[in-house]
Amino acid sequence: PSVVREAVAAGTPVIASDIGGLPEQVQPGKTGWLFPPGDAPELREAMLASNVDQGGSATLGAGARKFVEENHSLERYLERLVGVYKEVQRRCAA
């Protein structure tokens, strides 16, 4: 997943298998393409789409970068971290 996050952060759309945490990072039509694990024809279609549709790839690349800025920025990380600490504090006080 780190490689996917780095690619998306660089504005590169990603082709990934629809498994584990990858669907959280690769959103079809927004940040890249997903295909079912082991489905070679679907992987082929995603690869062809990424190669043929250069305009679409550029749009997905911009969407990928925006996704990272909105969901994985330092500010967003700190918001989530502070939220975790507040929840722990609330539970300890209860």
Protein backbone atom coordinates (compact mmCIF):
# COMPACT_ATOMS: atom_id res chain seq x y z
CA PRO A 1 0.00 0.00 0.00
CA SER A 2 2.89 2.44 0.52
CA VAL A 3 3.80 2.28 -3.16
CA VAL A 4 0.19 2.97 -4.10
CA ARG A 5 0.05 5.93 -1.71
CA GLU A 6 3.29 7.32 -3.14
CA ALA A 7 2.09 6.94 -6.74
CA VAL A 8 -1.24 8.58 -5.95
CA ALA A 9 0.55 11.38 -4.08
CA ALA A 10 2.65 11.98 -7.20
CA GLY A 11 -0.54 12.28 -9.26
CA THR A 12 -0.11 8.93 -10.97
CA PRO A 13 -3.28 6.88 -11.43
CA VAL A 14 -2.94 3.29 -10.19
CA ILE A 15 -4.10 -0.09 -11.44
CA ALA A 16 -4.56 -2.36 -8.43
CA SER A 17 -6.17 -5.61 -7.42
CA ASP A 18 -9.43 -5.18 -5.52
CA ILE A 19 -8.11 -6.74 -2.31
CA GLY A 20 -7.04 -5.72 1.18
CA GLY A 21 -6.64 -2.00 1.77
CA LEU A 22 -6.11 -1.13 -1.88
CA PRO A 23 -9.75 -0.20 -2.61
CA GLU A 24 -9.48 2.45 0.10
CA GLN A 25 -6.67 4.11 -1.84
CA VAL A 26 -7.69 3.43 -5.44
CA GLN A 27 -11.12 4.70 -6.32
CA PRO A 28 -12.29 3.59 -9.77
CA GLY A 29 -12.94 6.55 -12.02
CA LYS A 30 -11.27 8.93 -9.56
CA THR A 31 -7.74 7.76 -8.72
CA GLY A 32 -7.23 4.71 -10.91
CA TRP A 33 -8.58 1.29 -11.81
CA LEU A 34 -9.36 -1.82 -9.76
CA PHE A 35 -9.67 -5.38 -10.99
CA PRO A 36 -10.73 -8.58 -9.19
CA PRO A 37 -7.79 -10.69 -7.94
CA GLY A 38 -6.73 -13.25 -10.53
CA ASP A 39 -8.94 -11.77 -13.26
CA ALA A 40 -6.47 -11.37 -16.13
CA PRO A 41 -9.08 -10.09 -18.63
CA GLU A 42 -10.10 -7.30 -16.23
CA LEU A 43 -6.44 -6.42 -15.59
CA ARG A 44 -5.93 -6.27 -19.34
CA GLU A 45 -8.91 -3.92 -19.72
CA ALA A 46 -7.58 -1.63 -17.00
CA MET A 47 -4.15 -1.59 -18.62
CA LEU A 48 -5.64 -0.82 -22.03
CA ALA A 49 -7.80 1.93 -20.55
CA SER A 50 -4.80 3.52 -18.86
CA ASN A 51 -2.72 3.34 -22.04
CA VAL A 52 -5.36 4.36 -24.57
CA ASP A 53 -7.17 7.07 -22.67
CA GLN A 54 -4.36 9.51 -21.97
CA GLY A 55 -6.82 12.32 -21.26
CA GLY A 56 -8.60 10.08 -18.78
CA SER A 57 -5.29 9.14 -17.20
CA ALA A 58 -4.42 12.80 -16.73
CA THR A 59 -7.82 13.43 -15.15
CA LEU A 60 -7.40 10.43 -12.85
CA GLY A 61 -3.90 11.61 -11.96
CA ALA A 62 -5.28 14.97 -10.87
CA GLY A 63 -8.02 13.17 -8.94
CA ALA A 64 -5.42 10.97 -7.30
CA ARG A 65 -3.40 13.97 -6.15
CA LYS A 66 -6.54 15.68 -4.83
CA PHE A 67 -7.53 12.50 -2.95
CA VAL A 68 -4.16 12.46 -1.17
CA GLU A 69 -4.33 16.14 -0.33
CA GLU A 70 -7.82 15.73 1.14
CA ASN A 71 -7.30 12.42 2.95
CA HIS A 72 -3.61 11.96 3.68
CA SER A 73 -2.25 15.44 4.33
CA LEU A 74 -0.41 16.26 7.52
CA GLU A 75 -3.38 18.31 8.67
CA ARG A 76 -5.78 15.39 8.09
CA TYR A 77 -3.40 13.00 9.89
CA LEU A 78 -3.23 15.33 12.89
CA GLU A 79 -7.03 15.67 12.96
CA ARG A 80 -7.39 11.90 13.12
CA LEU A 81 -4.63 11.55 15.73
CA VAL A 82 -6.17 14.20 17.96
CA GLY A 83 -9.52 12.46 17.52
CA VAL A 84 -8.02 9.19 18.73
CA TYR A 85 -6.51 10.88 21.79
CA LYS A 86 -9.82 12.58 22.60
CA GLU A 87 -11.65 9.26 22.33
CA VAL A 88 -9.14 7.57 24.64
CA GLN A 89 -9.44 10.44 27.07
CA ARG A 90 -13.25 10.22 26.96
CA ARG A 91 -13.19 6.46 27.62
CA CYS A 92 -10.74 6.81 30.50
CA ALA A 93 -12.90 9.48 32.11
CA ALA A 94 -16.01 7.29 31.87
